[in-house]
Protein backbone atom coordinates (compact mmCIF):
# COMPACT_ATOMS: atom_id res chain seq x y z
CA MET A 1 165.97 84.56 162.75
CA SER A 2 165.59 84.70 158.97
CA ALA A 3 163.71 87.54 157.31
CA THR A 4 160.94 85.12 156.32
CA LEU A 5 160.49 83.91 159.89
CA GLU A 6 160.51 87.48 161.16
CA ARG A 7 157.70 88.45 158.78
CA SER A 8 155.63 85.39 159.70
CA ALA A 9 156.07 86.05 163.43
CA ILE A 10 153.22 87.59 165.41
CA ARG A 11 154.35 91.20 165.92
CA PRO A 12 152.77 94.00 167.95
CA PHE A 13 151.24 96.71 165.78
CA THR A 14 150.75 100.39 166.49
CA PHE A 15 149.37 103.24 164.41
CA GLU A 16 149.35 107.02 164.49
CA PHE A 17 147.48 109.59 162.43
CA PRO A 18 148.97 113.09 162.73
CA GLU A 19 146.70 116.06 163.27
CA ALA A 20 147.67 117.39 159.85
CA GLU A 21 145.83 114.49 158.22
CA LEU A 22 142.68 115.26 160.18
CA GLU A 23 142.96 118.94 159.30
CA ASP A 24 143.29 118.02 155.62
CA LEU A 25 140.20 115.80 155.92
CA ARG A 26 138.14 118.60 157.45
CA ALA A 27 139.34 121.06 154.81
CA ARG A 28 138.33 118.69 152.02
CA VAL A 29 134.90 118.19 153.57
CA VAL A 30 134.36 121.94 153.83
CA ALA A 31 135.50 122.43 150.23
CA THR A 32 133.07 119.86 148.83
CA ARG A 33 131.58 120.84 145.47
CA TRP A 34 127.96 119.86 145.83
CA PRO A 35 125.65 118.57 143.11
CA GLU A 36 122.06 119.72 142.79
CA LYS A 37 119.34 118.09 144.86
CA GLU A 38 117.93 114.79 143.64
CA THR A 39 114.84 115.04 141.47
CA VAL A 40 112.80 112.58 143.55
CA ALA A 41 111.42 112.75 147.07
CA ASP A 42 112.85 109.40 148.19
CA GLN A 43 116.16 107.52 148.15
CA SER A 44 115.62 105.83 144.80
CA GLN A 45 118.45 107.90 143.29
CA GLY A 46 120.85 107.08 146.13
CA THR A 47 122.16 108.95 149.16
CA GLN A 48 120.17 112.17 149.39
CA LEU A 49 121.78 115.59 149.33
CA ALA A 50 120.26 116.62 152.66
CA THR A 51 121.75 113.58 154.40
CA LEU A 52 125.19 114.28 152.95
CA LYS A 53 125.08 117.94 153.94
CA GLU A 54 124.16 116.99 157.51
CA LEU A 55 126.98 114.44 157.50
CA ALA A 56 129.50 116.92 156.13
CA HIS A 57 128.56 119.62 158.63
CA TYR A 58 128.95 117.23 161.55
CA TRP A 59 132.16 115.70 160.15
CA ALA A 60 133.85 119.08 159.68
CA SER A 61 132.66 120.87 162.82
CA GLU A 62 131.83 118.41 165.61
CA TYR A 63 133.08 114.90 164.92
CA ASP A 64 136.13 113.76 166.92
CA TRP A 65 138.13 110.89 165.42
CA ARG A 66 140.37 110.79 168.50
CA LYS A 67 137.54 109.23 170.56
CA VAL A 68 137.37 106.03 168.54
CA GLU A 69 141.12 106.13 168.01
CA ALA A 70 141.54 105.93 171.78
CA LYS A 71 139.20 102.93 171.90
CA LEU A 72 141.20 101.22 169.18
CA LYS A 73 144.54 101.98 170.82
CA ALA A 74 143.31 100.49 174.09
CA LEU A 75 143.09 97.11 172.36
CA PRO A 76 145.98 94.74 171.57
CA HIS A 77 146.84 94.95 167.87
CA PHE A 78 149.15 92.61 165.98
CA ILE A 79 150.37 91.94 162.47
CA THR A 80 151.82 88.91 160.70
CA GLU A 81 152.63 88.05 157.12
CA ILE A 82 150.49 85.27 155.65
CA ASP A 83 150.84 84.11 152.05
CA GLY A 84 152.98 87.15 151.23
CA LEU A 85 150.68 89.79 152.73
CA ASP A 86 150.67 91.58 156.08
CA ILE A 87 147.51 90.73 158.01
CA HIS A 88 146.47 93.00 160.86
CA PHE A 89 144.28 91.73 163.67
CA ILE A 90 142.99 92.56 167.13
CA HIS A 91 143.53 89.75 169.64
CA VAL A 92 141.73 89.96 172.97
CA ARG A 93 142.03 86.99 175.29
CA SER A 94 139.40 86.40 177.94
CA LYS A 95 140.37 86.22 181.60
CA HIS A 96 138.51 82.89 181.61
CA GLU A 97 141.10 80.33 180.55
CA ASP A 98 138.47 77.87 179.27
CA ALA A 99 137.16 80.47 176.81
CA LEU A 100 136.46 79.28 173.27
CA PRO A 101 138.63 80.95 170.59
CA LEU A 102 136.53 82.81 168.00
CA ILE A 103 137.64 84.56 164.81
CA VAL A 104 135.19 87.27 163.69
CA THR A 105 135.28 88.78 160.20
CA HIS A 106 133.84 92.13 159.10
CA GLY A 107 132.46 93.06 155.68
CA TRP A 108 132.13 95.98 153.25
CA PRO A 109 131.60 98.88 153.79
CA GLY A 110 132.72 97.85 157.24
CA SER A 111 135.97 97.29 159.09
CA ILE A 112 137.17 96.26 162.54
CA ILE A 113 135.07 99.23 163.74
CA GLU A 114 132.02 96.96 163.26
CA GLN A 115 133.15 94.63 166.04
CA LEU A 116 134.18 97.09 168.76
CA LYS A 117 130.89 96.83 170.67
CA ILE A 118 130.96 93.02 170.96
CA ILE A 119 134.51 92.63 172.28
CA GLU A 120 133.88 93.15 175.98
CA PRO A 121 130.61 91.16 176.18
CA LEU A 122 132.17 88.18 174.41
CA THR A 123 135.49 88.18 176.26
CA ASP A 124 134.15 89.21 179.69
CA PRO A 125 130.65 87.71 179.83
CA THR A 126 130.32 87.81 183.62
CA ALA A 127 130.33 91.61 183.43
CA HIS A 128 127.73 91.61 180.65
CA GLY A 129 124.89 89.34 181.67
CA GLY A 130 126.54 86.01 180.89
CA SER A 131 128.43 83.30 182.71
CA ALA A 132 132.09 82.28 182.58
CA SER A 133 131.08 79.39 180.34
CA ASP A 134 130.06 81.93 177.68
CA ALA A 135 133.56 83.39 177.32
CA PHE A 136 135.46 83.69 174.04
CA HIS A 137 139.03 84.57 173.14
CA LEU A 138 138.56 86.98 170.22
CA VAL A 139 140.55 87.36 167.01
CA ILE A 140 139.32 90.18 164.74
CA PRO A 141 141.35 90.55 161.54
CA SER A 142 141.24 93.28 158.92
CA MET A 143 140.58 91.76 155.50
CA PRO A 144 143.29 92.22 152.86
CA GLY A 145 143.08 95.75 151.46
CA TYR A 146 141.06 96.95 154.46
CA GLY A 147 142.15 99.02 157.46
CA PHE A 148 145.63 98.23 158.66
CA SER A 149 146.16 95.03 156.64
CA GLY A 150 148.36 95.03 153.58
CA LYS A 151 146.99 95.95 150.17
CA PRO A 152 147.37 93.15 147.61
CA THR A 153 149.52 94.16 144.64
CA THR A 154 148.50 91.18 142.53
CA THR A 155 145.20 89.43 141.87
CA GLY A 156 144.05 86.35 143.73
CA TRP A 157 142.90 87.51 147.17
CA GLY A 158 139.31 86.30 147.00
CA PRO A 159 137.21 84.94 149.88
CA GLU A 160 138.53 81.37 149.56
CA ARG A 161 142.12 82.56 149.94
CA ILE A 162 141.21 84.78 152.87
CA ALA A 163 139.52 81.80 154.53
CA ARG A 164 142.75 79.81 154.22
CA ALA A 165 144.72 82.75 155.64
CA TRP A 166 142.39 82.92 158.64
CA ALA A 167 142.95 79.23 159.35
CA GLU A 168 146.71 79.83 159.21
CA LEU A 169 146.33 82.80 161.56
CA MET A 170 144.48 80.72 164.16
CA LYS A 171 147.12 78.01 163.84
CA ARG A 172 149.90 80.54 164.43
CA LEU A 173 148.12 81.78 167.51
CA GLY A 174 148.22 78.26 168.88
CA TYR A 175 144.47 77.65 168.86
CA GLN A 176 143.88 73.94 168.36
CA LYS A 177 140.08 74.23 168.62
CA TYR A 178 138.12 77.30 167.56
CA VAL A 179 134.98 78.67 165.91
CA ALA A 180 134.34 81.40 163.32
CA GLN A 181 131.70 84.11 162.81
CA GLY A 182 130.88 86.72 160.20
CA GLY A 183 128.41 88.90 158.33
CA ASP A 184 128.56 90.34 154.79
CA TRP A 185 131.97 89.33 153.34
CA GLY A 186 132.70 87.89 156.76
CA ALA A 187 129.80 85.49 156.30
CA ILE A 188 131.12 84.37 152.90
CA ILE A 189 134.66 83.93 154.22
CA THR A 190 133.34 82.08 157.26
CA ASP A 191 131.27 79.81 155.00
CA TYR A 192 134.42 78.99 153.03
CA MET A 193 136.25 78.19 156.24
CA GLY A 194 133.44 75.73 156.85
CA VAL A 195 133.87 74.29 153.36
CA GLN A 196 137.64 73.96 153.72
CA GLU A 197 137.34 72.43 157.20
CA PRO A 198 140.80 73.42 158.48
CA GLU A 199 142.09 71.41 161.41
CA GLY A 200 140.65 72.73 164.64
CA LEU A 201 137.57 74.51 163.26
CA LEU A 202 134.60 73.20 165.25
CA GLY A 203 131.82 75.14 163.53
CA ILE A 204 130.63 78.53 162.38
CA HIS A 205 128.03 81.23 163.08
CA THR A 206 126.65 83.47 160.35
CA ASN A 207 124.30 86.44 160.33
CA MET A 208 124.09 86.47 156.52
CA ALA A 209 123.46 82.86 155.66
CA GLY A 210 124.46 81.47 152.26
CA VAL A 211 121.52 79.17 151.71
CA VAL A 212 119.82 80.11 148.42
CA PRO A 213 119.27 76.96 146.30
CA PRO A 214 121.43 77.00 143.14
CA ALA A 215 118.55 77.00 140.63
CA VAL A 216 116.84 79.88 142.44
CA ASP A 217 120.06 81.85 142.86
CA GLN A 218 121.10 81.48 139.22
CA ALA A 219 117.69 82.58 137.93
CA LEU A 220 117.53 85.63 140.18
CA ILE A 221 121.10 86.72 139.43
CA ALA A 222 120.34 86.54 135.69
CA GLY A 223 117.05 88.38 136.14
CA ASN A 224 115.13 85.39 134.79
CA PRO A 225 111.87 83.88 136.01
CA LEU A 226 112.20 81.18 138.63
CA PRO A 227 112.32 77.61 137.27
CA SER A 228 108.89 76.13 136.66
CA GLY A 229 107.71 73.44 139.01
CA LEU A 230 109.19 74.97 142.15
CA SER A 231 107.03 74.57 145.24
CA LEU A 232 107.84 77.52 147.48
CA SER A 233 106.48 78.36 150.90
CA ASP A 234 105.35 81.91 151.67
CA GLU A 235 108.64 82.46 153.54
CA GLU A 236 110.65 81.24 150.55
CA LYS A 237 108.62 83.40 148.13
CA ALA A 238 109.32 86.45 150.31
CA ALA A 239 113.03 85.63 150.27
CA CYS A 240 112.96 85.37 146.47
CA GLU A 241 111.31 88.79 146.21
CA GLN A 242 113.94 90.30 148.49
CA LEU A 243 116.77 88.68 146.54
CA ASP A 244 115.31 89.85 143.23
CA PHE A 245 115.32 93.41 144.57
CA VAL A 246 118.89 93.06 145.86
CA TYR A 247 120.29 91.66 142.63
CA ARG A 248 118.63 94.47 140.67
CA HIS A 249 119.96 97.21 142.94
CA VAL A 250 123.44 96.27 144.20
CA TYR A 251 125.06 98.66 141.74
CA PHE A 252 127.94 99.32 144.10
CA ALA A 253 128.90 95.64 143.88
CA TYR A 254 128.71 95.61 140.08
CA MET A 255 130.90 98.70 139.87
CA MET A 256 133.50 97.44 142.33
CA GLY A 257 133.36 93.98 140.82
CA SER A 258 134.11 95.18 137.29
CA ARG A 259 135.80 98.61 137.46
CA PRO A 260 137.24 99.24 140.94
CA GLN A 261 140.03 101.47 139.69
CA SER A 262 137.51 103.79 138.08
CA LEU A 263 136.35 104.68 141.59
CA THR A 264 139.54 106.65 142.20
CA GLY A 265 137.45 109.71 143.09
CA LEU A 266 136.61 107.96 146.38
CA ALA A 267 140.26 108.31 147.37
CA ASP A 268 140.15 112.06 146.68
CA SER A 269 136.80 113.20 148.08
CA PRO A 270 135.76 112.26 151.62
CA VAL A 271 132.13 113.24 151.00
CA GLY A 272 132.15 111.25 147.77
CA LEU A 273 133.45 108.28 149.75
CA ALA A 274 130.71 108.74 152.34
CA ALA A 275 127.96 108.95 149.71
CA PHE A 276 129.12 105.69 148.16
CA MET A 277 129.59 103.82 151.44
CA LEU A 278 126.22 104.84 152.89
CA ASP A 279 124.34 103.44 149.88
CA HIS A 280 124.88 99.76 150.69
CA ASP A 281 121.31 98.57 151.07
CA ALA A 282 117.95 100.30 151.33
CA ALA A 283 117.24 99.55 154.98
CA SER A 284 120.69 100.59 156.15
CA LEU A 285 120.61 103.81 154.14
CA GLU A 286 117.22 104.71 155.60
CA MET A 287 118.43 104.03 159.15
CA ILE A 288 121.66 106.01 158.72
CA SER A 289 119.80 108.88 157.10
CA ARG A 290 117.48 109.06 160.09
CA SER A 291 120.51 109.15 162.39
CA PHE A 292 121.91 112.20 160.60
CA ALA A 293 118.46 113.78 160.75
CA GLY A 294 118.59 113.53 164.55
CA HIS A 295 116.81 110.23 165.15
CA ALA A 296 119.61 107.84 166.15
CA GLU A 297 118.78 104.15 165.99
CA GLY A 298 121.12 101.23 165.57
CA LEU A 299 124.02 103.32 164.31
CA THR A 300 124.86 106.80 165.57
CA ARG A 301 126.46 109.56 163.52
CA ASP A 302 129.75 108.81 165.26
CA ASP A 303 129.48 105.08 164.47
CA VAL A 304 129.08 105.85 160.78
CA LEU A 305 131.87 108.42 160.63
CA ASP A 306 134.26 106.30 162.70
CA ASN A 307 134.16 103.70 159.96
CA ILE A 308 134.30 106.10 157.00
CA THR A 309 137.15 108.03 158.61
CA LEU A 310 139.17 104.84 159.06
CA PHE A 311 138.72 104.14 155.33
CA TRP A 312 139.82 107.69 154.56
CA LEU A 313 142.87 107.76 156.82
CA THR A 314 144.11 104.37 155.59
CA ASN A 315 143.30 105.24 151.96
CA THR A 316 141.63 101.88 151.42
CA ALA A 317 138.57 102.81 149.34
CA ILE A 318 140.01 101.24 146.18
CA SER A 319 142.01 98.39 147.71
CA ALA A 320 138.90 97.32 149.64
CA SER A 321 136.77 97.53 146.49
CA ARG A 322 138.94 95.01 144.68
CA LEU A 323 137.59 92.19 146.82
CA TYR A 324 134.44 92.38 144.68
CA ALA A 325 136.55 91.97 141.54
CA GLU A 326 138.28 88.95 143.09
CA ASN A 327 135.05 87.23 144.03
CA LYS A 328 133.94 84.34 141.82
CA THR A 329 131.08 83.07 143.94
CA SER A 330 127.47 83.91 144.75
CA PHE A 331 126.95 86.20 147.72
CA PHE A 332 123.99 84.24 149.07
CA GLY A 333 124.21 80.84 147.38
CA VAL A 334 124.93 77.47 148.95
CA LYS A 335 128.67 76.84 149.43
CA GLY A 336 128.62 73.25 150.73
CA VAL A 337 129.35 73.53 154.45
CA SER A 338 129.05 70.27 156.36
CA LEU A 339 130.47 71.44 159.69
CA PRO A 340 128.08 72.58 162.45
CA VAL A 341 126.45 75.92 161.57
CA ALA A 342 124.50 78.45 163.64
CA VAL A 343 122.30 80.94 161.77
CA SER A 344 120.88 84.22 163.04
CA VAL A 345 118.39 86.06 160.82
CA PHE A 346 117.96 89.79 161.38
CA PRO A 347 114.72 91.21 159.95
CA ASP A 348 116.27 94.08 157.98
CA GLU A 349 119.01 91.97 156.40
CA MET A 350 119.12 92.13 152.60
CA TYR A 351 117.19 88.87 152.56
CA ARG A 352 115.74 86.79 155.37
CA ALA A 353 117.07 83.26 155.02
CA PRO A 354 114.20 80.75 155.40
CA LYS A 355 114.76 77.95 157.87
CA SER A 356 113.86 75.41 155.19
CA TRP A 357 116.71 76.66 153.00
CA ALA A 358 119.10 76.77 155.95
CA GLU A 359 118.34 73.14 156.77
CA GLN A 360 119.09 72.13 153.18
CA ALA A 361 122.24 74.24 152.82
CA TYR A 362 123.68 73.38 156.23
CA PRO A 363 123.00 69.68 156.92
CA ASN A 364 124.53 70.12 160.39
CA LEU A 365 122.42 73.13 161.40
CA ILE A 366 122.73 73.46 165.18
CA HIS A 367 120.94 76.79 165.70
CA TYR A 368 118.47 78.92 163.75
CA ASN A 369 116.77 82.00 165.11
CA THR A 370 115.01 85.06 163.75
CA LEU A 371 115.55 88.28 165.69
CA GLU A 372 113.07 91.03 166.52
CA LYS A 373 115.15 93.92 165.17
CA GLY A 374 118.40 94.71 163.40
CA GLY A 375 119.78 94.68 159.91
CA HIS A 376 122.85 94.06 157.83
CA PHE A 377 125.50 95.31 160.27
CA ALA A 378 124.41 93.11 163.18
CA ALA A 379 127.48 93.39 165.45
CA TRP A 380 127.52 97.15 164.94
CA GLU A 381 123.78 97.88 165.05
CA GLN A 382 122.54 95.36 167.62
CA PRO A 383 125.58 94.16 169.57
CA GLU A 384 123.56 92.80 172.51
CA LEU A 385 121.43 90.66 170.22
CA LEU A 386 124.38 89.37 168.23
CA VAL A 387 126.31 88.53 171.40
CA ARG A 388 123.29 86.61 172.66
CA GLU A 389 123.10 84.73 169.36
CA VAL A 390 126.80 83.89 169.23
CA ARG A 391 126.71 82.58 172.78
CA ALA A 392 123.60 80.47 172.17
CA GLY A 393 124.48 79.36 168.66
CA LEU A 394 127.94 78.05 169.46
CA ARG A 395 127.32 76.79 173.00
CA THR A 396 127.10 73.12 172.04
CA LEU A 397 130.54 73.26 170.42
CA ARG A 398 132.39 73.99 173.65
């Protein structure tokens, strides 16, 4: 077998983090040089000092990485080279042979950790309130520069290219018919899979729909008034207000999108990394802060630190950030998907996609539902609800 064929083969993947690396992490957390307390009583200046001190204390004295490591190691991991880059993925086949293959993509500041809670319910539905006809074969890749995937050494790995790589991955796995799902970057990549329509892709499910009309999206991104003459429903006006807030406050995206290498301090300070990663969106930061204050909801302290610790141990803070610099598209704008699309809207998402916009953006909309709770990290925060939505949303494509 040639070297090229060997690299493109599907190979088993294992990982190991020695105790010395965990000891170094704890020592760095303990040695954190703290800033003064914020000068406001809310989170308007970012992740609050009290939250970070609670996080650091737990991280250094009680948190056990080996617990989630054991969960990860219990899963089948693989790696293959696609388009010159090693792509890592988890591949869990259902015991139900008629299961529908599904590729699920994480986002930032997430990782494959986001999907751990949905694996068993989706692959073994009869043990989790479903029927055999709800079963999926799951493929969960790490995006380039994230987790165990390779780190691009040249430019060009934007969401469109990742979408093409995912189609190649499913082809290599022998899946002739499959579906795709994602949130955050995963939603954008999944949208582009829908645009590209690779052979075998039946449809997609998204929990961060890209449906904002171009004129509205362009005005809000630029900070301009909405175009005159627009007739907006109350739901659409609310979405515009949410988007206006997001575009004025996603400073992390602007920084990573323009100067990712200047964030090198994130690779040197674990608490600095945590402060940056927690401050993704207002609702998520509030929820996580409550968890570290002793009121767990959605995400536990361990959930949060499992993900941050994976970033730390793989040293992917900067390589993951570069995806923002590679992106040339709107986060929430219409992409042009004509394949069947299922949309789930969680109330604490950065914006709640109106059904009217979803119907315009996705002419083959097969499912639209608003949920009673949950936010940006749907698979991670509300796995039972997302599993229910994936089953229902993609059922007609079987």
